[in-house]
């Protein structure tokens, strides 16, 4: 996360301001503590996201899914993680702007697969 990467520079900048007398010790300590708390929050968010990614990438036994089961997915009105795990084998994240979905069945969004 960009915010986490910038924190090191921010801490250095705050220290320089404190040493130069531009901010008080109390202000310096308060800002450092506020940043520390934010970094802990970001670490928790990151850990939760990585855990979710691991869950999505967990490889389960691919197999045939009956047409009746597939028909249930055409009427999903909200995100249902457990049902989607039936269709998705894994999700590969290449960066902030690219992912690949590996389907357990033929890609349901590929128009070439539709008869």
PDB file of N, CA and C in Angstrom:
ATOM      1  N   UNK A   1       0.843  -1.174   0.000  1.00  0.00           N
ATOM      2  CA  UNK A   1       0.000   0.000   0.000  1.00  0.00           C
ATOM      3  C   UNK A   1       0.890   1.241   0.000  1.00  0.00           C
ATOM      4  N   UNK A   2       0.492   2.187  -0.788  1.00  0.00           N
ATOM      5  CA  UNK A   2       1.286   3.399  -0.924  1.00  0.00           C
ATOM      6  C   UNK A   2       1.390   4.159   0.390  1.00  0.00           C
ATOM      7  N   UNK A   3       0.295   4.198   1.130  1.00  0.00           N
ATOM      8  CA  UNK A   3       0.294   4.930   2.394  1.00  0.00           C
ATOM      9  C   UNK A   3       1.309   4.343   3.367  1.00  0.00           C
ATOM     10  N   UNK A   4       1.420   3.028   3.379  1.00  0.00           N
ATOM     11  CA  UNK A   4       2.381   2.374   4.273  1.00  0.00           C
ATOM     12  C   UNK A   4       3.816   2.701   3.844  1.00  0.00           C
ATOM     13  N   UNK A   5       4.048   2.728   2.542  1.00  0.00           N
ATOM     14  CA  UNK A   5       5.389   3.026   2.033  1.00  0.00           C
ATOM     15  C   UNK A   5       5.786   4.469   2.342  1.00  0.00           C
ATOM     16  N   UNK A   6       4.816   5.370   2.313  1.00  0.00           N
ATOM     17  CA  UNK A   6       5.116   6.786   2.581  1.00  0.00           C
ATOM     18  C   UNK A   6       5.364   7.069   4.054  1.00  0.00           C
ATOM     19  N   UNK A   7       4.926   6.183   4.947  1.00  0.00           N
ATOM     20  CA  UNK A   7       5.026   6.429   6.374  1.00  0.00           C
ATOM     21  C   UNK A   7       6.482   6.610   6.824  1.00  0.00           C
ATOM     22  N   UNK A   8       7.403   5.841   6.267  1.00  0.00           N
ATOM     23  CA  UNK A   8       8.813   5.957   6.638  1.00  0.00           C
ATOM     24  C   UNK A   8       9.324   7.372   6.340  1.00  0.00           C
ATOM     25  N   UNK A   9       8.981   7.894   5.163  1.00  0.00           N
ATOM     26  CA  UNK A   9       9.387   9.253   4.807  1.00  0.00           C
ATOM     27  C   UNK A   9       8.717  10.282   5.710  1.00  0.00           C
ATOM     28  N   UNK A  10       7.468  10.041   6.038  1.00  0.00           N
ATOM     29  CA  UNK A  10       6.730  10.962   6.905  1.00  0.00           C
ATOM     30  C   UNK A  10       7.366  11.013   8.295  1.00  0.00           C
ATOM     31  N   UNK A  11       7.734   9.837   8.826  1.00  0.00           N
ATOM     32  CA  UNK A  11       8.383   9.812  10.143  1.00  0.00           C
ATOM     33  C   UNK A  11       9.688  10.599  10.120  1.00  0.00           C
ATOM     34  N   UNK A  12      10.464  10.438   9.070  1.00  0.00           N
ATOM     35  CA  UNK A  12      11.729  11.160   8.940  1.00  0.00           C
ATOM     36  C   UNK A  12      11.478  12.664   8.854  1.00  0.00           C
ATOM     37  N   UNK A  13      10.475  13.052   8.075  1.00  0.00           N
ATOM     38  CA  UNK A  13      10.129  14.471   7.931  1.00  0.00           C
ATOM     39  C   UNK A  13       9.697  15.056   9.277  1.00  0.00           C
ATOM     40  N   UNK A  14       8.872  14.328  10.030  1.00  0.00           N
ATOM     41  CA  UNK A  14       8.444  14.790  11.352  1.00  0.00           C
ATOM     42  C   UNK A  14       9.637  14.946  12.297  1.00  0.00           C
ATOM     43  N   UNK A  15      10.547  13.995  12.241  1.00  0.00           N
ATOM     44  CA  UNK A  15      11.730  14.060  13.104  1.00  0.00           C
ATOM     45  C   UNK A  15      12.569  15.295  12.767  1.00  0.00           C
ATOM     46  N   UNK A  16      12.740  15.559  11.478  1.00  0.00           N
ATOM     47  CA  UNK A  16      13.512  16.742  11.063  1.00  0.00           C
ATOM     48  C   UNK A  16      12.831  18.026  11.519  1.00  0.00           C
ATOM     49  N   UNK A  17      11.506  18.072  11.418  1.00  0.00           N
ATOM     50  CA  UNK A  17      10.770  19.249  11.886  1.00  0.00           C
ATOM     51  C   UNK A  17      10.939  19.427  13.390  1.00  0.00           C
ATOM     52  N   UNK A  18      10.885  18.330  14.127  1.00  0.00           N
ATOM     53  CA  UNK A  18      11.056  18.387  15.577  1.00  0.00           C
ATOM     54  C   UNK A  18      12.461  18.868  15.924  1.00  0.00           C
ATOM     55  N   UNK A  19      13.475  18.311  15.296  1.00  0.00           N
ATOM     56  CA  UNK A  19      14.866  18.702  15.574  1.00  0.00           C
ATOM     57  C   UNK A  19      15.125  20.158  15.194  1.00  0.00           C
ATOM     58  N   UNK A  20      14.443  20.655  14.165  1.00  0.00           N
ATOM     59  CA  UNK A  20      14.618  22.036  13.724  1.00  0.00           C
ATOM     60  C   UNK A  20      13.801  23.006  14.580  1.00  0.00           C
ATOM     61  N   UNK A  21      12.994  22.464  15.500  1.00  0.00           N
ATOM     62  CA  UNK A  21      12.206  23.316  16.371  1.00  0.00           C
ATOM     63  C   UNK A  21      10.920  23.826  15.733  1.00  0.00           C
ATOM     64  N   UNK A  22      10.522  23.246  14.628  1.00  0.00           N
ATOM     65  CA  UNK A  22       9.310  23.686  13.932  1.00  0.00           C
ATOM     66  C   UNK A  22       8.042  23.111  14.565  1.00  0.00           C
ATOM     67  N   UNK A  23       8.169  21.976  15.244  1.00  0.00           N
ATOM     68  CA  UNK A  23       7.035  21.408  15.981  1.00  0.00           C
ATOM     69  C   UNK A  23       7.519  21.039  17.383  1.00  0.00           C
ATOM     70  N   UNK A  24       6.591  21.027  18.332  1.00  0.00           N
ATOM     71  CA  UNK A  24       6.944  20.693  19.718  1.00  0.00           C
ATOM     72  C   UNK A  24       7.117  19.192  19.872  1.00  0.00           C
ATOM     73  N   UNK A  25       7.742  18.817  20.971  1.00  0.00           N
ATOM     74  CA  UNK A  25       7.928  17.393  21.260  1.00  0.00           C
ATOM     75  C   UNK A  25       6.576  16.698  21.373  1.00  0.00           C
ATOM     76  N   UNK A  26       5.627  17.355  22.049  1.00  0.00           N
ATOM     77  CA  UNK A  26       4.301  16.778  22.232  1.00  0.00           C
ATOM     78  C   UNK A  26       3.606  16.559  20.881  1.00  0.00           C
ATOM     79  N   UNK A  27       3.729  17.554  19.990  1.00  0.00           N
ATOM     80  CA  UNK A  27       3.131  17.425  18.664  1.00  0.00           C
ATOM     81  C   UNK A  27       3.802  16.290  17.884  1.00  0.00           C
ATOM     82  N   UNK A  28       5.125  16.212  17.973  1.00  0.00           N
ATOM     83  CA  UNK A  28       5.874  15.143  17.306  1.00  0.00           C
ATOM     84  C   UNK A  28       5.410  13.773  17.794  1.00  0.00           C
ATOM     85  N   UNK A  29       5.341  13.599  19.122  1.00  0.00           N
ATOM     86  CA  UNK A  29       4.945  12.315  19.700  1.00  0.00           C
ATOM     87  C   UNK A  29       3.507  11.979  19.308  1.00  0.00           C
ATOM     88  N   UNK A  30       2.622  12.971  19.328  1.00  0.00           N
ATOM     89  CA  UNK A  30       1.222  12.739  18.980  1.00  0.00           C
ATOM     90  C   UNK A  30       1.093  12.307  17.521  1.00  0.00           C
ATOM     91  N   UNK A  31       1.819  12.950  16.624  1.00  0.00           N
ATOM     92  CA  UNK A  31       1.746  12.598  15.201  1.00  0.00           C
ATOM     93  C   UNK A  31       2.329  11.214  14.937  1.00  0.00           C
ATOM     94  N   UNK A  32       3.412  10.892  15.620  1.00  0.00           N
ATOM     95  CA  UNK A  32       4.017   9.562  15.470  1.00  0.00           C
ATOM     96  C   UNK A  32       3.049   8.487  15.964  1.00  0.00           C
ATOM     97  N   UNK A  33       2.405   8.744  17.094  1.00  0.00           N
ATOM     98  CA  UNK A  33       1.449   7.780  17.637  1.00  0.00           C
ATOM     99  C   UNK A  33       0.247   7.621  16.697  1.00  0.00           C
ATOM    100  N   UNK A  34      -0.249   8.720  16.170  1.00  0.00           N
ATOM    101  CA  UNK A  34      -1.369   8.666  15.228  1.00  0.00           C
ATOM    102  C   UNK A  34      -0.973   7.844  13.996  1.00  0.00           C
ATOM    103  N   UNK A  35       0.231   8.048  13.500  1.00  0.00           N
ATOM    104  CA  UNK A  35       0.724   7.285  12.352  1.00  0.00           C
ATOM    105  C   UNK A  35       0.887   5.814  12.678  1.00  0.00           C
ATOM    106  N   UNK A  36       1.369   5.509  13.879  1.00  0.00           N
ATOM    107  CA  UNK A  36       1.544   4.118  14.300  1.00  0.00           C
ATOM    108  C   UNK A  36       0.199   3.397  14.332  1.00  0.00           C
ATOM    109  N   UNK A  37      -0.810   4.080  14.867  1.00  0.00           N
ATOM    110  CA  UNK A  37      -2.150   3.494  14.935  1.00  0.00           C
ATOM    111  C   UNK A  37      -2.687   3.248  13.525  1.00  0.00           C
ATOM    112  N   UNK A  38      -2.480   4.209  12.627  1.00  0.00           N
ATOM    113  CA  UNK A  38      -2.938   4.054  11.244  1.00  0.00           C
ATOM    114  C   UNK A  38      -2.226   2.883  10.570  1.00  0.00           C
ATOM    115  N   UNK A  39      -0.923   2.730  10.820  1.00  0.00           N
ATOM    116  CA  UNK A  39      -0.176   1.622  10.220  1.00  0.00           C
ATOM    117  C   UNK A  39      -0.703   0.281  10.728  1.00  0.00           C
ATOM    118  N   UNK A  40      -1.081   0.214  12.006  1.00  0.00           N
ATOM    119  CA  UNK A  40      -1.659  -1.017  12.543  1.00  0.00           C
ATOM    120  C   UNK A  40      -2.983  -1.328  11.856  1.00  0.00           C
ATOM    121  N   UNK A  41      -3.805  -0.281  11.633  1.00  0.00           N
ATOM    122  CA  UNK A  41      -5.073  -0.477  10.927  1.00  0.00           C
ATOM    123  C   UNK A  41      -4.824  -1.003   9.514  1.00  0.00           C
ATOM    124  N   UNK A  42      -3.861  -0.404   8.822  1.00  0.00           N
ATOM    125  CA  UNK A  42      -3.548  -0.827   7.460  1.00  0.00           C
ATOM    126  C   UNK A  42      -3.013  -2.254   7.432  1.00  0.00           C
ATOM    127  N   UNK A  43      -2.223  -2.629   8.423  1.00  0.00           N
ATOM    128  CA  UNK A  43      -1.714  -4.003   8.508  1.00  0.00           C
ATOM    129  C   UNK A  43      -2.859  -4.990   8.686  1.00  0.00           C
ATOM    130  N   UNK A  44      -3.846  -4.623   9.505  1.00  0.00           N
ATOM    131  CA  UNK A  44      -5.000  -5.504   9.699  1.00  0.00           C
ATOM    132  C   UNK A  44      -5.796  -5.644   8.406  1.00  0.00           C
ATOM    133  N   UNK A  45      -5.977  -4.524   7.693  1.00  0.00           N
ATOM    134  CA  UNK A  45      -6.687  -4.563   6.414  1.00  0.00           C
ATOM    135  C   UNK A  45      -5.925  -5.424   5.418  1.00  0.00           C
ATOM    136  N   UNK A  46      -4.604  -5.238   5.385  1.00  0.00           N
ATOM    137  CA  UNK A  46      -3.758  -6.013   4.472  1.00  0.00           C
ATOM    138  C   UNK A  46      -3.835  -7.506   4.800  1.00  0.00           C
ATOM    139  N   UNK A  47      -3.750  -7.836   6.093  1.00  0.00           N
ATOM    140  CA  UNK A  47      -3.815  -9.242   6.504  1.00  0.00           C
ATOM    141  C   UNK A  47      -5.154  -9.866   6.120  1.00  0.00           C
ATOM    142  N   UNK A  48      -6.236  -9.129   6.339  1.00  0.00           N
ATOM    143  CA  UNK A  48      -7.564  -9.641   5.994  1.00  0.00           C
ATOM    144  C   UNK A  48      -7.679  -9.843   4.481  1.00  0.00           C
ATOM    145  N   UNK A  49      -7.135  -8.908   3.712  1.00  0.00           N
ATOM    146  CA  UNK A  49      -7.196  -9.023   2.247  1.00  0.00           C
ATOM    147  C   UNK A  49      -6.371 -10.213   1.766  1.00  0.00           C
ATOM    148  N   UNK A  50      -5.187 -10.407   2.341  1.00  0.00           N
ATOM    149  CA  UNK A  50      -4.349 -11.535   1.954  1.00  0.00           C
ATOM    150  C   UNK A  50      -5.001 -12.866   2.330  1.00  0.00           C
ATOM    151  N   UNK A  51      -5.655 -12.891   3.483  1.00  0.00           N
ATOM    152  CA  UNK A  51      -6.352 -14.112   3.898  1.00  0.00           C
ATOM    153  C   UNK A  51      -7.492 -14.423   2.937  1.00  0.00           C
ATOM    154  N   UNK A  52      -8.234 -13.387   2.551  1.00  0.00           N
ATOM    155  CA  UNK A  52      -9.328 -13.584   1.595  1.00  0.00           C
ATOM    156  C   UNK A  52      -8.790 -14.061   0.251  1.00  0.00           C
ATOM    157  N   UNK A  53      -7.661 -13.484  -0.169  1.00  0.00           N
ATOM    158  CA  UNK A  53      -7.040 -13.903  -1.429  1.00  0.00           C
ATOM    159  C   UNK A  53      -6.615 -15.360  -1.357  1.00  0.00           C
ATOM    160  N   UNK A  54      -6.014 -15.756  -0.229  1.00  0.00           N
ATOM    161  CA  UNK A  54      -5.634 -17.157  -0.048  1.00  0.00           C
ATOM    162  C   UNK A  54      -6.852 -18.069  -0.140  1.00  0.00           C
ATOM    163  N   UNK A  55      -7.963 -17.633   0.469  1.00  0.00           N
ATOM    164  CA  UNK A  55      -9.188 -18.438   0.413  1.00  0.00           C
ATOM    165  C   UNK A  55      -9.679 -18.578  -1.021  1.00  0.00           C
ATOM    166  N   UNK A  56      -9.604 -17.482  -1.778  1.00  0.00           N
ATOM    167  CA  UNK A  56     -10.058 -17.529  -3.164  1.00  0.00           C
ATOM    168  C   UNK A  56      -9.140 -18.367  -4.040  1.00  0.00           C
ATOM    169  N   UNK A  57      -7.849 -18.390  -3.689  1.00  0.00           N
ATOM    170  CA  UNK A  57      -6.893 -19.132  -4.502  1.00  0.00           C
ATOM    171  C   UNK A  57      -6.749 -20.587  -4.091  1.00  0.00           C
ATOM    172  N   UNK A  58      -7.383 -20.944  -2.974  1.00  0.00           N
ATOM    173  CA  UNK A  58      -7.289 -22.336  -2.526  1.00  0.00           C
ATOM    174  C   UNK A  58      -7.858 -23.232  -3.615  1.00  0.00           C
ATOM    175  N   UNK A  59      -7.076 -24.185  -3.981  1.00  0.00           N
ATOM    176  CA  UNK A  59      -7.485 -25.070  -5.067  1.00  0.00           C
ATOM    177  C   UNK A  59      -8.336 -26.195  -4.492  1.00  0.00           C
ATOM    178  N   UNK A  60      -9.532 -26.264  -4.989  1.00  0.00           N
ATOM    179  CA  UNK A  60     -10.390 -27.378  -4.615  1.00  0.00           C
ATOM    180  C   UNK A  60     -10.460 -28.322  -5.810  1.00  0.00           C
ATOM    181  N   UNK A  61     -10.980 -29.468  -5.577  1.00  0.00           N
ATOM    182  CA  UNK A  61     -11.054 -30.463  -6.639  1.00  0.00           C
ATOM    183  C   UNK A  61     -11.992 -29.992  -7.738  1.00  0.00           C
ATOM    184  N   UNK A  62     -11.442 -29.765  -8.933  1.00  0.00           N
ATOM    185  CA  UNK A  62     -12.343 -29.403 -10.026  1.00  0.00           C
ATOM    186  C   UNK A  62     -13.183 -30.608 -10.417  1.00  0.00           C
ATOM    187  N   UNK A  63     -14.376 -30.353 -10.801  1.00  0.00           N
ATOM    188  CA  UNK A  63     -15.246 -31.436 -11.216  1.00  0.00           C
ATOM    189  C   UNK A  63     -16.380 -30.887 -12.032  1.00  0.00           C
ATOM    190  N   UNK A  64     -17.206 -31.775 -12.459  1.00  0.00           N
ATOM    191  CA  UNK A  64     -18.357 -31.368 -13.244  1.00  0.00           C
ATOM    192  C   UNK A  64     -19.400 -30.767 -12.315  1.00  0.00           C
ATOM    193  N   UNK A  65     -19.995 -29.684 -12.760  1.00  0.00           N
ATOM    194  CA  UNK A  65     -21.066 -29.059 -12.003  1.00  0.00           C
ATOM    195  C   UNK A  65     -22.340 -29.280 -12.798  1.00  0.00           C
ATOM    196  N   UNK A  66     -23.343 -29.883 -12.164  1.00  0.00           N
ATOM    197  CA  UNK A  66     -24.592 -30.168 -12.891  1.00  0.00           C
ATOM    198  C   UNK A  66     -25.235 -28.874 -13.404  1.00  0.00           C
ATOM    199  N   UNK A  67     -25.923 -28.997 -14.536  1.00  0.00           N
ATOM    200  CA  UNK A  67     -26.581 -27.838 -15.135  1.00  0.00           C
ATOM    201  C   UNK A  67     -27.567 -27.187 -14.175  1.00  0.00           C
ATOM    202  N   UNK A  68     -28.236 -27.983 -13.340  1.00  0.00           N
ATOM    203  CA  UNK A  68     -29.193 -27.422 -12.384  1.00  0.00           C
ATOM    204  C   UNK A  68     -28.483 -26.480 -11.407  1.00  0.00           C
ATOM    205  N   UNK A  69     -27.283 -26.882 -10.980  1.00  0.00           N
ATOM    206  CA  UNK A  69     -26.502 -26.069 -10.048  1.00  0.00           C
ATOM    207  C   UNK A  69     -26.061 -24.777 -10.730  1.00  0.00           C
ATOM    208  N   UNK A  70     -25.625 -24.891 -11.990  1.00  0.00           N
ATOM    209  CA  UNK A  70     -25.207 -23.709 -12.738  1.00  0.00           C
ATOM    210  C   UNK A  70     -26.368 -22.735 -12.931  1.00  0.00           C
ATOM    211  N   UNK A  71     -27.563 -23.252 -13.113  1.00  0.00           N
ATOM    212  CA  UNK A  71     -28.738 -22.406 -13.322  1.00  0.00           C
ATOM    213  C   UNK A  71     -28.992 -21.518 -12.104  1.00  0.00           C
ATOM    214  N   UNK A  72     -28.650 -22.009 -10.907  1.00  0.00           N
ATOM    215  CA  UNK A  72     -28.829 -21.217  -9.690  1.00  0.00           C
ATOM    216  C   UNK A  72     -28.015 -19.921  -9.737  1.00  0.00           C
ATOM    217  N   UNK A  73     -26.878 -19.953 -10.404  1.00  0.00           N
ATOM    218  CA  UNK A  73     -26.005 -18.785 -10.433  1.00  0.00           C
ATOM    219  C   UNK A  73     -26.532 -17.680 -11.341  1.00  0.00           C
ATOM    220  N   UNK A  74     -27.396 -18.024 -12.249  1.00  0.00           N
ATOM    221  CA  UNK A  74     -27.912 -17.004 -13.169  1.00  0.00           C
ATOM    222  C   UNK A  74     -28.889 -16.065 -12.489  1.00  0.00           C
ATOM    223  N   UNK A  75     -29.327 -16.404 -11.290  1.00  0.00           N
ATOM    224  CA  UNK A  75     -30.294 -15.561 -10.582  1.00  0.00           C
ATOM    225  C   UNK A  75     -29.728 -14.964  -9.290  1.00  0.00           C
ATOM    226  N   UNK A  76     -28.429 -14.941  -9.132  1.00  0.00           N
ATOM    227  CA  UNK A  76     -27.833 -14.327  -7.945  1.00  0.00           C
ATOM    228  C   UNK A  76     -28.143 -12.837  -7.935  1.00  0.00           C
ATOM    229  N   UNK A  77     -28.709 -12.381  -6.840  1.00  0.00           N
ATOM    230  CA  UNK A  77     -29.018 -10.961  -6.728  1.00  0.00           C
ATOM    231  C   UNK A  77     -28.025 -10.236  -5.844  1.00  0.00           C
ATOM    232  N   UNK A  78     -27.194 -10.972  -5.145  1.00  0.00           N
ATOM    233  CA  UNK A  78     -26.170 -10.367  -4.301  1.00  0.00           C
ATOM    234  C   UNK A  78     -24.945 -11.275  -4.303  1.00  0.00           C
ATOM    235  N   UNK A  79     -23.831 -10.736  -3.817  1.00  0.00           N
ATOM    236  CA  UNK A  79     -22.580 -11.487  -3.773  1.00  0.00           C
ATOM    237  C   UNK A  79     -22.708 -12.623  -2.769  1.00  0.00           C
ATOM    238  N   UNK A  80     -22.478 -13.830  -3.209  1.00  0.00           N
ATOM    239  CA  UNK A  80     -22.542 -15.008  -2.349  1.00  0.00           C
ATOM    240  C   UNK A  80     -21.236 -15.780  -2.527  1.00  0.00           C
ATOM    241  N   UNK A  81     -20.305 -15.533  -1.618  1.00  0.00           N
ATOM    242  CA  UNK A  81     -18.956 -16.093  -1.735  1.00  0.00           C
ATOM    243  C   UNK A  81     -18.966 -17.613  -1.841  1.00  0.00           C
ATOM    244  N   UNK A  82     -19.763 -18.286  -1.023  1.00  0.00           N
ATOM    245  CA  UNK A  82     -19.769 -19.752  -1.036  1.00  0.00           C
ATOM    246  C   UNK A  82     -20.252 -20.301  -2.370  1.00  0.00           C
ATOM    247  N   UNK A  83     -21.262 -19.675  -2.947  1.00  0.00           N
ATOM    248  CA  UNK A  83     -21.766 -20.147  -4.240  1.00  0.00           C
ATOM    249  C   UNK A  83     -20.753 -19.871  -5.347  1.00  0.00           C
ATOM    250  N   UNK A  84     -20.091 -18.719  -5.278  1.00  0.00           N
ATOM    251  CA  UNK A  84     -19.117 -18.389  -6.310  1.00  0.00           C
ATOM    252  C   UNK A  84     -17.893 -19.303  -6.246  1.00  0.00           C
ATOM    253  N   UNK A  85     -17.567 -19.800  -5.053  1.00  0.00           N
ATOM    254  CA  UNK A  85     -16.452 -20.744  -4.930  1.00  0.00           C
ATOM    255  C   UNK A  85     -16.723 -22.023  -5.716  1.00  0.00           C
ATOM    256  N   UNK A  86     -17.985 -22.301  -5.965  1.00  0.00           N
ATOM    257  CA  UNK A  86     -18.346 -23.467  -6.757  1.00  0.00           C
ATOM    258  C   UNK A  86     -17.913 -23.293  -8.206  1.00  0.00           C
ATOM    259  N   UNK A  87     -17.928 -22.049  -8.678  1.00  0.00           N
ATOM    260  CA  UNK A  87     -17.571 -21.759 -10.066  1.00  0.00           C
ATOM    261  C   UNK A  87     -16.111 -21.407 -10.262  1.00  0.00           C
ATOM    262  N   UNK A  88     -15.515 -20.739  -9.268  1.00  0.00           N
ATOM    263  CA  UNK A  88     -14.166 -20.182  -9.432  1.00  0.00           C
ATOM    264  C   UNK A  88     -13.135 -21.103  -8.790  1.00  0.00           C
ATOM    265  N   UNK A  89     -12.136 -21.482  -9.572  1.00  0.00           N
ATOM    266  CA  UNK A  89     -11.045 -22.303  -9.056  1.00  0.00           C
ATOM    267  C   UNK A  89     -10.069 -21.440  -8.280  1.00  0.00           C
ATOM    268  N   UNK A  90      -9.637 -20.328  -8.899  1.00  0.00           N
ATOM    269  CA  UNK A  90      -8.727 -19.416  -8.212  1.00  0.00           C
ATOM    270  C   UNK A  90      -8.731 -18.070  -8.927  1.00  0.00           C
ATOM    271  N   UNK A  91      -8.272 -17.062  -8.200  1.00  0.00           N
ATOM    272  CA  UNK A  91      -8.123 -15.716  -8.740  1.00  0.00           C
ATOM    273  C   UNK A  91      -6.658 -15.347  -8.588  1.00  0.00           C
ATOM    274  N   UNK A  92      -6.034 -14.953  -9.681  1.00  0.00           N
ATOM    275  CA  UNK A  92      -4.623 -14.576  -9.663  1.00  0.00           C
ATOM    276  C   UNK A  92      -4.555 -13.060  -9.823  1.00  0.00           C
ATOM    277  N   UNK A  93      -3.907 -12.391  -8.862  1.00  0.00           N
ATOM    278  CA  UNK A  93      -3.782 -10.937  -8.900  1.00  0.00           C
ATOM    279  C   UNK A  93      -2.387 -10.593  -9.404  1.00  0.00           C
ATOM    280  N   UNK A  94      -2.334  -9.880 -10.526  1.00  0.00           N
ATOM    281  CA  UNK A  94      -1.066  -9.500 -11.127  1.00  0.00           C
ATOM    282  C   UNK A  94      -0.628  -8.103 -10.692  1.00  0.00           C
ATOM    283  N   UNK A  95      -1.495  -7.331 -10.161  1.00  0.00           N
ATOM    284  CA  UNK A  95      -1.202  -5.969  -9.736  1.00  0.00           C
ATOM    285  C   UNK A  95      -2.508  -5.260  -9.450  1.00  0.00           C
ATOM    286  N   UNK A  96      -2.424  -3.954  -9.275  1.00  0.00           N
ATOM    287  CA  UNK A  96      -3.621  -3.203  -8.924  1.00  0.00           C
ATOM    288  C   UNK A  96      -4.605  -3.089 -10.077  1.00  0.00           C
ATOM    289  N   UNK A  97      -4.177  -3.431 -11.288  1.00  0.00           N
ATOM    290  CA  UNK A  97      -5.073  -3.259 -12.427  1.00  0.00           C
ATOM    291  C   UNK A  97      -5.233  -4.514 -13.279  1.00  0.00           C
ATOM    292  N   UNK A  98      -4.813  -5.671 -12.784  1.00  0.00           N
ATOM    293  CA  UNK A  98      -4.925  -6.883 -13.592  1.00  0.00           C
ATOM    294  C   UNK A  98      -5.143  -8.109 -12.710  1.00  0.00           C
ATOM    295  N   UNK A  99      -6.194  -8.869 -13.038  1.00  0.00           N
ATOM    296  CA  UNK A  99      -6.444 -10.141 -12.360  1.00  0.00           C
ATOM    297  C   UNK A  99      -6.806 -11.174 -13.409  1.00  0.00           C
ATOM    298  N   UNK A 100      -6.686 -12.422 -13.024  1.00  0.00           N
ATOM    299  CA  UNK A 100      -7.112 -13.525 -13.885  1.00  0.00           C
ATOM    300  C   UNK A 100      -7.995 -14.436 -13.051  1.00  0.00           C
ATOM    301  N   UNK A 101      -9.135 -14.806 -13.599  1.00  0.00           N
ATOM    302  CA  UNK A 101     -10.041 -15.730 -12.923  1.00  0.00           C
ATOM    303  C   UNK A 101      -9.927 -17.077 -13.621  1.00  0.00           C
ATOM    304  N   UNK A 102      -9.610 -18.114 -12.856  1.00  0.00           N
ATOM    305  CA  UNK A 102      -9.540 -19.476 -13.382  1.00  0.00           C
ATOM    306  C   UNK A 102     -10.834 -20.164 -12.950  1.00  0.00           C
ATOM    307  N   UNK A 103     -11.659 -20.481 -13.936  1.00  0.00           N
ATOM    308  CA  UNK A 103     -12.976 -21.053 -13.681  1.00  0.00           C
ATOM    309  C   UNK A 103     -12.888 -22.566 -13.512  1.00  0.00           C
ATOM    310  N   UNK A 104     -13.759 -23.125 -12.694  1.00  0.00           N
ATOM    311  CA  UNK A 104     -13.875 -24.579 -12.566  1.00  0.00           C
ATOM    312  C   UNK A 104     -14.670 -25.149 -13.732  1.00  0.00           C
ATOM    313  N   UNK A 105     -15.410 -24.296 -14.381  1.00  0.00           N
ATOM    314  CA  UNK A 105     -16.193 -24.665 -15.562  1.00  0.00           C
ATOM    315  C   UNK A 105     -15.768 -23.725 -16.677  1.00  0.00           C
ATOM    316  N   UNK A 106     -16.292 -23.912 -17.877  1.00  0.00           N
ATOM    317  CA  UNK A 106     -16.002 -22.972 -18.946  1.00  0.00           C
ATOM    318  C   UNK A 106     -16.398 -21.560 -18.515  1.00  0.00           C
ATOM    319  N   UNK A 107     -15.654 -20.552 -18.933  1.00  0.00           N
ATOM    320  CA  UNK A 107     -15.927 -19.163 -18.560  1.00  0.00           C
ATOM    321  C   UNK A 107     -17.372 -18.820 -18.915  1.00  0.00           C
ATOM    322  N   UNK A 108     -18.210 -18.572 -17.910  1.00  0.00           N
ATOM    323  CA  UNK A 108     -19.621 -18.288 -18.192  1.00  0.00           C
ATOM    324  C   UNK A 108     -19.830 -16.938 -18.885  1.00  0.00           C
ATOM    325  N   UNK A 109     -18.812 -16.100 -18.910  1.00  0.00           N
ATOM    326  CA  UNK A 109     -18.937 -14.784 -19.526  1.00  0.00           C
ATOM    327  C   UNK A 109     -18.359 -14.739 -20.934  1.00  0.00           C
ATOM    328  N   UNK A 110     -17.825 -15.843 -21.386  1.00  0.00           N
ATOM    329  CA  UNK A 110     -17.248 -15.924 -22.722  1.00  0.00           C
ATOM    330  C   UNK A 110     -18.369 -16.247 -23.702  1.00  0.00           C
ATOM    331  N   UNK A 111     -18.631 -15.343 -24.623  1.00  0.00           N
ATOM    332  CA  UNK A 111     -19.748 -15.527 -25.561  1.00  0.00           C
ATOM    333  C   UNK A 111     -19.506 -16.687 -26.518  1.00  0.00           C
ATOM    334  N   UNK A 112     -18.253 -17.102 -26.691  1.00  0.00           N
ATOM    335  CA  UNK A 112     -17.963 -18.240 -27.567  1.00  0.00           C
ATOM    336  C   UNK A 112     -18.484 -19.538 -26.978  1.00  0.00           C
ATOM    337  N   UNK A 113     -18.641 -19.600 -25.646  1.00  0.00           N
ATOM    338  CA  UNK A 113     -19.126 -20.812 -24.993  1.00  0.00           C
ATOM    339  C   UNK A 113     -20.640 -20.946 -25.027  1.00  0.00           C
ATOM    340  N   UNK A 114     -21.323 -19.877 -25.395  1.00  0.00           N
ATOM    341  CA  UNK A 114     -22.787 -19.909 -25.393  1.00  0.00           C
ATOM    342  C   UNK A 114     -23.272 -20.501 -26.711  1.00  0.00           C
ATOM    343  N   UNK A 115     -24.144 -21.494 -26.601  1.00  0.00           N
ATOM    344  CA  UNK A 115     -24.644 -22.160 -27.809  1.00  0.00           C
ATOM    345  C   UNK A 115     -25.779 -21.383 -28.428  1.00  0.00           C
TER     346      UNK A 115
END
